[in-house]
Amino acid sequence: MATLWGGFLRLGSLLSLSCLALSVLLLVQLSDAAKNFEDVRCKCICPPYKDNSGHIYNKNISQKDCDCLHVVDPMPVRGPDVEAYCLRCECKYEERSSVTIKVTIIIYLSILGLLLLYMVYLTLVEPILKRRLFGHSQLIQSDDDVGDHQPFANAHDVLARSRSRANVLNKVEYAQQRWKLQVQEQRKSVFDRHVVL
Protein backbone atom coordinates (compact mmCIF):
# COMPACT_ATOMS: atom_id res chain seq x y z
CA MET A 1 0.00 0.00 0.00
CA ALA A 2 2.83 2.39 0.86
CA THR A 3 4.52 1.72 -2.47
CA LEU A 4 1.26 2.50 -4.25
CA TRP A 5 1.02 5.86 -2.46
CA GLY A 6 4.66 6.58 -3.21
CA GLY A 7 4.10 5.75 -6.87
CA PHE A 8 1.10 8.08 -7.08
CA LEU A 9 2.99 10.89 -5.40
CA ARG A 10 6.03 10.43 -7.65
CA LEU A 11 3.79 10.32 -10.75
CA GLY A 12 1.93 13.45 -9.66
CA SER A 13 5.10 15.38 -8.92
CA LEU A 14 6.66 14.24 -12.20
CA LEU A 15 3.61 15.37 -14.19
CA SER A 16 3.49 18.69 -12.36
CA LEU A 17 7.17 19.34 -13.00
CA SER A 18 6.85 18.41 -16.67
CA CYS A 19 3.86 20.77 -17.11
CA LEU A 20 5.79 23.54 -15.40
CA ALA A 21 8.89 22.93 -17.53
CA LEU A 22 6.83 22.91 -20.73
CA SER A 23 5.15 26.16 -19.73
CA VAL A 24 8.49 27.82 -18.97
CA LEU A 25 9.95 26.68 -22.31
CA LEU A 26 6.96 28.04 -24.21
CA LEU A 27 7.11 31.34 -22.35
CA VAL A 28 10.82 31.76 -23.11
CA GLN A 29 10.24 30.93 -26.76
CA LEU A 30 7.35 33.38 -27.03
CA SER A 31 9.16 36.21 -25.27
CA ASP A 32 12.12 35.93 -27.66
CA ALA A 33 9.92 36.19 -30.74
CA ALA A 34 9.51 39.62 -32.33
CA LYS A 35 6.12 41.22 -32.58
CA ASN A 36 4.00 39.20 -34.97
CA PHE A 37 2.76 40.93 -38.12
CA GLU A 38 -0.76 39.78 -37.29
CA ASP A 39 -0.77 41.73 -34.03
CA VAL A 40 -1.57 45.05 -35.71
CA ARG A 41 -4.09 45.81 -38.41
CA CYS A 42 -6.30 48.49 -39.81
CA LYS A 43 -9.91 47.47 -40.25
CA CYS A 44 -12.19 49.50 -42.53
CA ILE A 45 -15.93 48.85 -42.61
CA CYS A 46 -17.42 50.30 -45.77
CA PRO A 47 -21.23 50.36 -46.16
CA PRO A 48 -22.97 49.82 -49.50
CA TYR A 49 -22.44 52.66 -51.98
CA LYS A 50 -24.37 52.94 -55.25
CA ASP A 51 -23.94 49.61 -57.06
CA ASN A 52 -21.25 48.27 -54.66
CA SER A 53 -22.20 46.10 -51.70
CA GLY A 54 -20.74 46.74 -48.25
CA HIS A 55 -17.40 45.17 -47.44
CA ILE A 56 -14.88 44.87 -44.61
CA TYR A 57 -11.20 45.43 -45.45
CA ASN A 58 -8.26 44.41 -43.28
CA LYS A 59 -4.64 45.31 -43.85
CA ASN A 60 -1.51 45.06 -41.72
CA ILE A 61 -0.17 48.62 -41.81
CA SER A 62 1.01 51.24 -39.35
CA GLN A 63 -1.34 53.47 -37.38
CA LYS A 64 -0.56 56.63 -39.35
CA ASP A 65 -1.58 54.95 -42.63
CA CYS A 66 -4.86 53.63 -41.24
CA ASP A 67 -7.33 55.25 -43.62
CA CYS A 68 -9.55 54.23 -46.51
CA LEU A 69 -7.05 55.18 -49.22
CA HIS A 70 -4.33 52.88 -47.87
CA VAL A 71 -6.51 49.96 -46.76
CA VAL A 72 -9.23 49.54 -49.40
CA ASP A 73 -7.60 47.61 -52.22
CA PRO A 74 -8.86 47.30 -54.93
CA MET A 75 -10.90 50.46 -54.77
CA PRO A 76 -14.46 49.54 -55.87
CA VAL A 77 -15.20 53.00 -57.27
CA ARG A 78 -13.28 55.28 -59.62
CA GLY A 79 -12.70 58.98 -60.07
CA PRO A 80 -14.67 61.54 -58.02
CA ASP A 81 -16.64 58.81 -56.16
CA VAL A 82 -13.48 57.67 -54.29
CA GLU A 83 -13.65 60.57 -51.82
CA ALA A 84 -17.40 60.07 -51.19
CA TYR A 85 -16.86 56.32 -50.77
CA CYS A 86 -13.97 56.79 -48.34
CA LEU A 87 -15.93 59.30 -46.23
CA ARG A 88 -18.55 56.63 -45.61
CA CYS A 89 -15.96 54.05 -44.51
CA GLU A 90 -15.11 53.73 -40.83
CA CYS A 91 -11.48 52.75 -40.26
CA LYS A 92 -10.07 51.63 -36.90
CA TYR A 93 -6.55 50.69 -35.93
CA GLU A 94 -6.49 47.48 -33.86
CA GLU A 95 -3.59 46.14 -31.87
CA ARG A 96 -3.33 42.97 -29.82
CA SER A 97 -0.62 40.99 -28.11
CA SER A 98 -0.51 37.42 -29.33
CA VAL A 99 2.19 36.65 -26.73
CA THR A 100 -0.18 37.64 -23.91
CA ILE A 101 -2.95 35.53 -25.43
CA LYS A 102 -0.65 32.51 -25.76
CA VAL A 103 0.68 32.91 -22.20
CA THR A 104 -2.87 33.14 -20.86
CA ILE A 105 -3.87 29.99 -22.71
CA ILE A 106 -0.80 28.13 -21.44
CA ILE A 107 -1.52 29.14 -17.84
CA TYR A 108 -5.17 28.17 -18.23
CA LEU A 109 -4.29 24.75 -19.69
CA SER A 110 -1.67 24.15 -16.98
CA ILE A 111 -4.18 24.89 -14.21
CA LEU A 112 -6.77 22.72 -15.94
CA GLY A 113 -4.25 19.89 -16.22
CA LEU A 114 -3.31 20.14 -12.54
CA LEU A 115 -6.97 20.10 -11.53
CA LEU A 116 -7.55 17.07 -13.72
CA LEU A 117 -4.57 15.33 -12.13
CA TYR A 118 -5.92 16.21 -8.69
CA MET A 119 -9.36 14.82 -9.62
CA VAL A 120 -7.80 11.54 -10.79
CA TYR A 121 -5.77 11.36 -7.59
CA LEU A 122 -8.87 11.86 -5.44
CA THR A 123 -10.81 9.33 -7.48
CA LEU A 124 -8.15 6.70 -6.89
CA VAL A 125 -7.63 7.55 -3.22
CA GLU A 126 -11.30 7.80 -2.18
CA PRO A 127 -12.01 4.03 -2.13
CA ILE A 128 -8.90 3.45 0.00
CA LEU A 129 -10.00 6.14 2.46
CA LYS A 130 -13.50 4.65 2.68
CA ARG A 131 -12.05 1.25 3.52
CA ARG A 132 -9.89 2.74 6.27
CA LEU A 133 -12.72 4.78 7.77
CA PHE A 134 -15.07 1.81 7.64
CA GLY A 135 -12.51 -0.30 9.49
CA HIS A 136 -12.14 2.36 12.22
CA SER A 137 -15.91 2.68 12.61
CA GLN A 138 -16.06 -1.04 13.45
CA LEU A 139 -13.51 -0.43 16.22
CA ILE A 140 -15.71 2.33 17.66
CA GLN A 141 -18.78 0.10 17.56
CA SER A 142 -16.92 -2.70 19.33
CA ASP A 143 -15.99 -0.15 22.02
CA ASP A 144 -19.68 0.14 22.94
CA ASP A 145 -19.84 -3.60 23.62
CA VAL A 146 -17.02 -3.51 26.20
CA GLY A 147 -19.04 -1.58 28.79
CA ASP A 148 -18.73 1.46 31.01
CA HIS A 149 -15.74 0.25 33.03
CA GLN A 150 -13.44 0.18 29.96
CA PRO A 151 -14.69 2.84 27.53
CA PHE A 152 -11.31 3.24 25.79
CA ALA A 153 -10.31 -0.44 25.55
CA ASN A 154 -9.85 -0.41 21.78
CA ALA A 155 -8.71 3.20 21.67
CA HIS A 156 -5.22 2.20 22.77
CA ASP A 157 -4.96 -0.14 19.78
CA VAL A 158 -6.07 2.66 17.46
CA LEU A 159 -3.58 5.04 19.09
CA ALA A 160 -0.70 2.56 18.79
CA ARG A 161 -1.41 1.90 15.11
CA SER A 162 -1.87 5.59 14.36
CA ARG A 163 1.41 6.53 15.98
CA SER A 164 3.28 4.00 13.87
CA ARG A 165 2.04 5.62 10.66
CA ALA A 166 4.06 8.57 9.44
CA ASN A 167 1.97 10.35 6.83
CA VAL A 168 -0.27 13.34 7.40
CA LEU A 169 -3.47 11.58 6.40
CA ASN A 170 -3.11 9.07 9.21
CA LYS A 171 -2.44 11.83 11.73
CA VAL A 172 -5.68 13.49 10.70
CA GLU A 173 -7.53 10.19 10.97
CA TYR A 174 -6.02 9.66 14.43
CA ALA A 175 -7.19 13.07 15.63
CA GLN A 176 -10.65 12.45 14.19
CA GLN A 177 -10.95 9.06 15.88
CA ARG A 178 -9.77 10.47 19.21
CA TRP A 179 -12.31 13.27 18.95
CA LYS A 180 -15.08 10.78 18.12
CA LEU A 181 -14.16 8.65 21.11
CA GLN A 182 -14.21 11.68 23.43
CA VAL A 183 -17.61 12.77 22.10
CA GLN A 184 -18.94 9.24 22.50
CA GLU A 185 -17.70 9.09 26.11
CA GLN A 186 -19.29 12.46 26.87
CA ARG A 187 -22.60 11.25 25.43
CA LYS A 188 -22.47 8.16 27.59
CA SER A 189 -21.75 10.28 30.67
CA VAL A 190 -24.54 12.75 30.01
CA PHE A 191 -27.29 10.57 28.58
CA ASP A 192 -26.66 7.15 30.16
CA ARG A 193 -25.11 7.98 33.56
CA HIS A 194 -26.60 11.51 33.81
CA VAL A 195 -23.24 12.89 34.89
CA VAL A 196 -22.06 16.26 33.65
CA LEU A 197 -18.29 16.72 33.51
C-alpha atoms as a PDB file:
ATOM      1  CA  MET A   1       0.000   0.000   0.000  1.00  0.00           C
ATOM      2  CA  ALA A   2       2.831   2.388   0.860  1.00  0.00           C
ATOM      3  CA  THR A   3       4.524   1.716  -2.468  1.00  0.00           C
ATOM      4  CA  LEU A   4       1.263   2.499  -4.253  1.00  0.00           C
ATOM      5  CA  TRP A   5       1.023   5.860  -2.460  1.00  0.00           C
ATOM      6  CA  GLY A   6       4.656   6.579  -3.213  1.00  0.00           C
ATOM      7  CA  GLY A   7       4.101   5.752  -6.871  1.00  0.00           C
ATOM      8  CA  PHE A   8       1.096   8.083  -7.082  1.00  0.00           C
ATOM      9  CA  LEU A   9       2.993  10.895  -5.395  1.00  0.00           C
ATOM     10  CA  ARG A  10       6.025  10.435  -7.650  1.00  0.00           C
ATOM     11  CA  LEU A  11       3.794  10.315 -10.746  1.00  0.00           C
ATOM     12  CA  GLY A  12       1.932  13.448  -9.660  1.00  0.00           C
ATOM     13  CA  SER A  13       5.101  15.376  -8.917  1.00  0.00           C
ATOM     14  CA  LEU A  14       6.663  14.239 -12.197  1.00  0.00           C
ATOM     15  CA  LEU A  15       3.611  15.366 -14.191  1.00  0.00           C
ATOM     16  CA  SER A  16       3.493  18.690 -12.356  1.00  0.00           C
ATOM     17  CA  LEU A  17       7.169  19.339 -12.998  1.00  0.00           C
ATOM     18  CA  SER A  18       6.853  18.406 -16.667  1.00  0.00           C
ATOM     19  CA  CYS A  19       3.856  20.767 -17.109  1.00  0.00           C
ATOM     20  CA  LEU A  20       5.788  23.543 -15.399  1.00  0.00           C
ATOM     21  CA  ALA A  21       8.893  22.930 -17.533  1.00  0.00           C
ATOM     22  CA  LEU A  22       6.825  22.906 -20.728  1.00  0.00           C
ATOM     23  CA  SER A  23       5.146  26.164 -19.728  1.00  0.00           C
ATOM     24  CA  VAL A  24       8.489  27.822 -18.974  1.00  0.00           C
ATOM     25  CA  LEU A  25       9.946  26.684 -22.306  1.00  0.00           C
ATOM     26  CA  LEU A  26       6.963  28.037 -24.214  1.00  0.00           C
ATOM     27  CA  LEU A  27       7.107  31.342 -22.350  1.00  0.00           C
ATOM     28  CA  VAL A  28      10.818  31.763 -23.111  1.00  0.00           C
ATOM     29  CA  GLN A  29      10.238  30.933 -26.761  1.00  0.00           C
ATOM     30  CA  LEU A  30       7.350  33.376 -27.030  1.00  0.00           C
ATOM     31  CA  SER A  31       9.161  36.206 -25.266  1.00  0.00           C
ATOM     32  CA  ASP A  32      12.122  35.928 -27.655  1.00  0.00           C
ATOM     33  CA  ALA A  33       9.925  36.193 -30.737  1.00  0.00           C
ATOM     34  CA  ALA A  34       9.514  39.618 -32.330  1.00  0.00           C
ATOM     35  CA  LYS A  35       6.116  41.221 -32.584  1.00  0.00           C
ATOM     36  CA  ASN A  36       3.996  39.204 -34.970  1.00  0.00           C
ATOM     37  CA  PHE A  37       2.755  40.933 -38.120  1.00  0.00           C
ATOM     38  CA  GLU A  38      -0.765  39.776 -37.290  1.00  0.00           C
ATOM     39  CA  ASP A  39      -0.767  41.725 -34.029  1.00  0.00           C
ATOM     40  CA  VAL A  40      -1.568  45.052 -35.707  1.00  0.00           C
ATOM     41  CA  ARG A  41      -4.093  45.813 -38.414  1.00  0.00           C
ATOM     42  CA  CYS A  42      -6.303  48.490 -39.811  1.00  0.00           C
ATOM     43  CA  LYS A  43      -9.909  47.474 -40.247  1.00  0.00           C
ATOM     44  CA  CYS A  44     -12.194  49.505 -42.525  1.00  0.00           C
ATOM     45  CA  ILE A  45     -15.926  48.847 -42.608  1.00  0.00           C
ATOM     46  CA  CYS A  46     -17.421  50.303 -45.772  1.00  0.00           C
ATOM     47  CA  PRO A  47     -21.231  50.361 -46.155  1.00  0.00           C
ATOM     48  CA  PRO A  48     -22.974  49.824 -49.496  1.00  0.00           C
ATOM     49  CA  TYR A  49     -22.445  52.660 -51.981  1.00  0.00           C
ATOM     50  CA  LYS A  50     -24.366  52.943 -55.254  1.00  0.00           C
ATOM     51  CA  ASP A  51     -23.936  49.606 -57.059  1.00  0.00           C
ATOM     52  CA  ASN A  52     -21.253  48.270 -54.661  1.00  0.00           C
ATOM     53  CA  SER A  53     -22.196  46.098 -51.697  1.00  0.00           C
ATOM     54  CA  GLY A  54     -20.744  46.740 -48.249  1.00  0.00           C
ATOM     55  CA  HIS A  55     -17.403  45.174 -47.445  1.00  0.00           C
ATOM     56  CA  ILE A  56     -14.877  44.874 -44.609  1.00  0.00           C
ATOM     57  CA  TYR A  57     -11.205  45.432 -45.451  1.00  0.00           C
ATOM     58  CA  ASN A  58      -8.256  44.412 -43.278  1.00  0.00           C
ATOM     59  CA  LYS A  59      -4.638  45.306 -43.850  1.00  0.00           C
ATOM     60  CA  ASN A  60      -1.508  45.058 -41.717  1.00  0.00           C
ATOM     61  CA  ILE A  61      -0.174  48.617 -41.811  1.00  0.00           C
ATOM     62  CA  SER A  62       1.008  51.238 -39.348  1.00  0.00           C
ATOM     63  CA  GLN A  63      -1.344  53.466 -37.381  1.00  0.00           C
ATOM     64  CA  LYS A  64      -0.559  56.630 -39.351  1.00  0.00           C
ATOM     65  CA  ASP A  65      -1.582  54.946 -42.629  1.00  0.00           C
ATOM     66  CA  CYS A  66      -4.865  53.630 -41.242  1.00  0.00           C
ATOM     67  CA  ASP A  67      -7.334  55.245 -43.616  1.00  0.00           C
ATOM     68  CA  CYS A  68      -9.555  54.234 -46.513  1.00  0.00           C
ATOM     69  CA  LEU A  69      -7.055  55.177 -49.223  1.00  0.00           C
ATOM     70  CA  HIS A  70      -4.329  52.882 -47.865  1.00  0.00           C
ATOM     71  CA  VAL A  71      -6.506  49.961 -46.757  1.00  0.00           C
ATOM     72  CA  VAL A  72      -9.228  49.540 -49.399  1.00  0.00           C
ATOM     73  CA  ASP A  73      -7.596  47.615 -52.220  1.00  0.00           C
ATOM     74  CA  PRO A  74      -8.856  47.298 -54.930  1.00  0.00           C
ATOM     75  CA  MET A  75     -10.901  50.465 -54.775  1.00  0.00           C
ATOM     76  CA  PRO A  76     -14.457  49.537 -55.866  1.00  0.00           C
ATOM     77  CA  VAL A  77     -15.204  53.004 -57.270  1.00  0.00           C
ATOM     78  CA  ARG A  78     -13.283  55.281 -59.621  1.00  0.00           C
ATOM     79  CA  GLY A  79     -12.704  58.981 -60.066  1.00  0.00           C
ATOM     80  CA  PRO A  80     -14.668  61.537 -58.020  1.00  0.00           C
ATOM     81  CA  ASP A  81     -16.640  58.813 -56.159  1.00  0.00           C
ATOM     82  CA  VAL A  82     -13.482  57.672 -54.292  1.00  0.00           C
ATOM     83  CA  GLU A  83     -13.655  60.566 -51.820  1.00  0.00           C
ATOM     84  CA  ALA A  84     -17.397  60.067 -51.194  1.00  0.00           C
ATOM     85  CA  TYR A  85     -16.863  56.315 -50.771  1.00  0.00           C
ATOM     86  CA  CYS A  86     -13.970  56.792 -48.340  1.00  0.00           C
ATOM     87  CA  LEU A  87     -15.931  59.298 -46.230  1.00  0.00           C
ATOM     88  CA  ARG A  88     -18.551  56.634 -45.609  1.00  0.00           C
ATOM     89  CA  CYS A  89     -15.962  54.048 -44.514  1.00  0.00           C
ATOM     90  CA  GLU A  90     -15.112  53.727 -40.828  1.00  0.00           C
ATOM     91  CA  CYS A  91     -11.476  52.753 -40.265  1.00  0.00           C
ATOM     92  CA  LYS A  92     -10.068  51.627 -36.896  1.00  0.00           C
ATOM     93  CA  TYR A  93      -6.554  50.689 -35.926  1.00  0.00           C
ATOM     94  CA  GLU A  94      -6.487  47.481 -33.863  1.00  0.00           C
ATOM     95  CA  GLU A  95      -3.587  46.144 -31.865  1.00  0.00           C
ATOM     96  CA  ARG A  96      -3.328  42.967 -29.820  1.00  0.00           C
ATOM     97  CA  SER A  97      -0.619  40.994 -28.110  1.00  0.00           C
ATOM     98  CA  SER A  98      -0.514  37.420 -29.326  1.00  0.00           C
ATOM     99  CA  VAL A  99       2.190  36.652 -26.734  1.00  0.00           C
ATOM    100  CA  THR A 100      -0.185  37.637 -23.915  1.00  0.00           C
ATOM    101  CA  ILE A 101      -2.948  35.529 -25.435  1.00  0.00           C
ATOM    102  CA  LYS A 102      -0.650  32.505 -25.757  1.00  0.00           C
ATOM    103  CA  VAL A 103       0.681  32.907 -22.202  1.00  0.00           C
ATOM    104  CA  THR A 104      -2.872  33.141 -20.860  1.00  0.00           C
ATOM    105  CA  ILE A 105      -3.868  29.988 -22.711  1.00  0.00           C
ATOM    106  CA  ILE A 106      -0.795  28.130 -21.438  1.00  0.00           C
ATOM    107  CA  ILE A 107      -1.519  29.142 -17.843  1.00  0.00           C
ATOM    108  CA  TYR A 108      -5.174  28.167 -18.228  1.00  0.00           C
ATOM    109  CA  LEU A 109      -4.293  24.753 -19.691  1.00  0.00           C
ATOM    110  CA  SER A 110      -1.669  24.150 -16.982  1.00  0.00           C
ATOM    111  CA  ILE A 111      -4.177  24.887 -14.212  1.00  0.00           C
ATOM    112  CA  LEU A 112      -6.773  22.724 -15.942  1.00  0.00           C
ATOM    113  CA  GLY A 113      -4.246  19.889 -16.217  1.00  0.00           C
ATOM    114  CA  LEU A 114      -3.307  20.142 -12.542  1.00  0.00           C
ATOM    115  CA  LEU A 115      -6.969  20.105 -11.533  1.00  0.00           C
ATOM    116  CA  LEU A 116      -7.554  17.067 -13.720  1.00  0.00           C
ATOM    117  CA  LEU A 117      -4.572  15.334 -12.130  1.00  0.00           C
ATOM    118  CA  TYR A 118      -5.919  16.209  -8.686  1.00  0.00           C
ATOM    119  CA  MET A 119      -9.355  14.819  -9.623  1.00  0.00           C
ATOM    120  CA  VAL A 120      -7.798  11.537 -10.793  1.00  0.00           C
ATOM    121  CA  TYR A 121      -5.770  11.364  -7.588  1.00  0.00           C
ATOM    122  CA  LEU A 122      -8.865  11.856  -5.445  1.00  0.00           C
ATOM    123  CA  THR A 123     -10.807   9.332  -7.483  1.00  0.00           C
ATOM    124  CA  LEU A 124      -8.148   6.696  -6.892  1.00  0.00           C
ATOM    125  CA  VAL A 125      -7.628   7.555  -3.218  1.00  0.00           C
ATOM    126  CA  GLU A 126     -11.296   7.799  -2.179  1.00  0.00           C
ATOM    127  CA  PRO A 127     -12.006   4.028  -2.133  1.00  0.00           C
ATOM    128  CA  ILE A 128      -8.902   3.450   0.003  1.00  0.00           C
ATOM    129  CA  LEU A 129     -10.005   6.139   2.463  1.00  0.00           C
ATOM    130  CA  LYS A 130     -13.500   4.650   2.681  1.00  0.00           C
ATOM    131  CA  ARG A 131     -12.052   1.246   3.522  1.00  0.00           C
ATOM    132  CA  ARG A 132      -9.888   2.744   6.273  1.00  0.00           C
ATOM    133  CA  LEU A 133     -12.722   4.777   7.770  1.00  0.00           C
ATOM    134  CA  PHE A 134     -15.073   1.805   7.637  1.00  0.00           C
ATOM    135  CA  GLY A 135     -12.511  -0.297   9.494  1.00  0.00           C
ATOM    136  CA  HIS A 136     -12.139   2.363  12.220  1.00  0.00           C
ATOM    137  CA  SER A 137     -15.907   2.680  12.612  1.00  0.00           C
ATOM    138  CA  GLN A 138     -16.056  -1.039  13.452  1.00  0.00           C
ATOM    139  CA  LEU A 139     -13.506  -0.429  16.220  1.00  0.00           C
ATOM    140  CA  ILE A 140     -15.707   2.326  17.662  1.00  0.00           C
ATOM    141  CA  GLN A 141     -18.783   0.096  17.557  1.00  0.00           C
ATOM    142  CA  SER A 142     -16.922  -2.698  19.332  1.00  0.00           C
ATOM    143  CA  ASP A 143     -15.986  -0.148  22.020  1.00  0.00           C
ATOM    144  CA  ASP A 144     -19.684   0.141  22.939  1.00  0.00           C
ATOM    145  CA  ASP A 145     -19.841  -3.598  23.622  1.00  0.00           C
ATOM    146  CA  VAL A 146     -17.023  -3.506  26.204  1.00  0.00           C
ATOM    147  CA  GLY A 147     -19.040  -1.578  28.787  1.00  0.00           C
ATOM    148  CA  ASP A 148     -18.728   1.457  31.009  1.00  0.00           C
ATOM    149  CA  HIS A 149     -15.737   0.251  33.028  1.00  0.00           C
ATOM    150  CA  GLN A 150     -13.442   0.180  29.960  1.00  0.00           C
ATOM    151  CA  PRO A 151     -14.693   2.841  27.531  1.00  0.00           C
ATOM    152  CA  PHE A 152     -11.313   3.236  25.787  1.00  0.00           C
ATOM    153  CA  ALA A 153     -10.312  -0.436  25.548  1.00  0.00           C
ATOM    154  CA  ASN A 154      -9.851  -0.411  21.782  1.00  0.00           C
ATOM    155  CA  ALA A 155      -8.712   3.200  21.673  1.00  0.00           C
ATOM    156  CA  HIS A 156      -5.218   2.197  22.771  1.00  0.00           C
ATOM    157  CA  ASP A 157      -4.956  -0.140  19.776  1.00  0.00           C
ATOM    158  CA  VAL A 158      -6.068   2.656  17.461  1.00  0.00           C
ATOM    159  CA  LEU A 159      -3.582   5.039  19.086  1.00  0.00           C
ATOM    160  CA  ALA A 160      -0.697   2.561  18.788  1.00  0.00           C
ATOM    161  CA  ARG A 161      -1.415   1.900  15.106  1.00  0.00           C
ATOM    162  CA  SER A 162      -1.872   5.593  14.355  1.00  0.00           C
ATOM    163  CA  ARG A 163       1.415   6.525  15.979  1.00  0.00           C
ATOM    164  CA  SER A 164       3.280   4.001  13.870  1.00  0.00           C
ATOM    165  CA  ARG A 165       2.036   5.622  10.664  1.00  0.00           C
ATOM    166  CA  ALA A 166       4.063   8.573   9.442  1.00  0.00           C
ATOM    167  CA  ASN A 167       1.974  10.352   6.835  1.00  0.00           C
ATOM    168  CA  VAL A 168      -0.273  13.336   7.405  1.00  0.00           C
ATOM    169  CA  LEU A 169      -3.467  11.576   6.398  1.00  0.00           C
ATOM    170  CA  ASN A 170      -3.108   9.068   9.207  1.00  0.00           C
ATOM    171  CA  LYS A 171      -2.437  11.830  11.725  1.00  0.00           C
ATOM    172  CA  VAL A 172      -5.682  13.494  10.702  1.00  0.00           C
ATOM    173  CA  GLU A 173      -7.528  10.188  10.974  1.00  0.00           C
ATOM    174  CA  TYR A 174      -6.018   9.660  14.427  1.00  0.00           C
ATOM    175  CA  ALA A 175      -7.191  13.065  15.628  1.00  0.00           C
ATOM    176  CA  GLN A 176     -10.647  12.447  14.190  1.00  0.00           C
ATOM    177  CA  GLN A 177     -10.953   9.055  15.879  1.00  0.00           C
ATOM    178  CA  ARG A 178      -9.772  10.468  19.212  1.00  0.00           C
ATOM    179  CA  TRP A 179     -12.314  13.269  18.946  1.00  0.00           C
ATOM    180  CA  LYS A 180     -15.078  10.782  18.119  1.00  0.00           C
ATOM    181  CA  LEU A 181     -14.158   8.646  21.114  1.00  0.00           C
ATOM    182  CA  GLN A 182     -14.209  11.678  23.428  1.00  0.00           C
ATOM    183  CA  VAL A 183     -17.613  12.774  22.102  1.00  0.00           C
ATOM    184  CA  GLN A 184     -18.940   9.236  22.501  1.00  0.00           C
ATOM    185  CA  GLU A 185     -17.700   9.092  26.110  1.00  0.00           C
ATOM    186  CA  GLN A 186     -19.290  12.464  26.867  1.00  0.00           C
ATOM    187  CA  ARG A 187     -22.603  11.255  25.425  1.00  0.00           C
ATOM    188  CA  LYS A 188     -22.469   8.160  27.594  1.00  0.00           C
ATOM    189  CA  SER A 189     -21.750  10.278  30.669  1.00  0.00           C
ATOM    190  CA  VAL A 190     -24.540  12.753  30.012  1.00  0.00           C
ATOM    191  CA  PHE A 191     -27.294  10.565  28.585  1.00  0.00           C
ATOM    192  CA  ASP A 192     -26.657   7.154  30.164  1.00  0.00           C
ATOM    193  CA  ARG A 193     -25.114   7.983  33.562  1.00  0.00           C
ATOM    194  CA  HIS A 194     -26.603  11.513  33.815  1.00  0.00           C
ATOM    195  CA  VAL A 195     -23.242  12.891  34.890  1.00  0.00           C
ATOM    196  CA  VAL A 196     -22.056  16.263  33.653  1.00  0.00           C
ATOM    197  CA  LEU A 197     -18.293  16.723  33.508  1.00  0.00           C
END
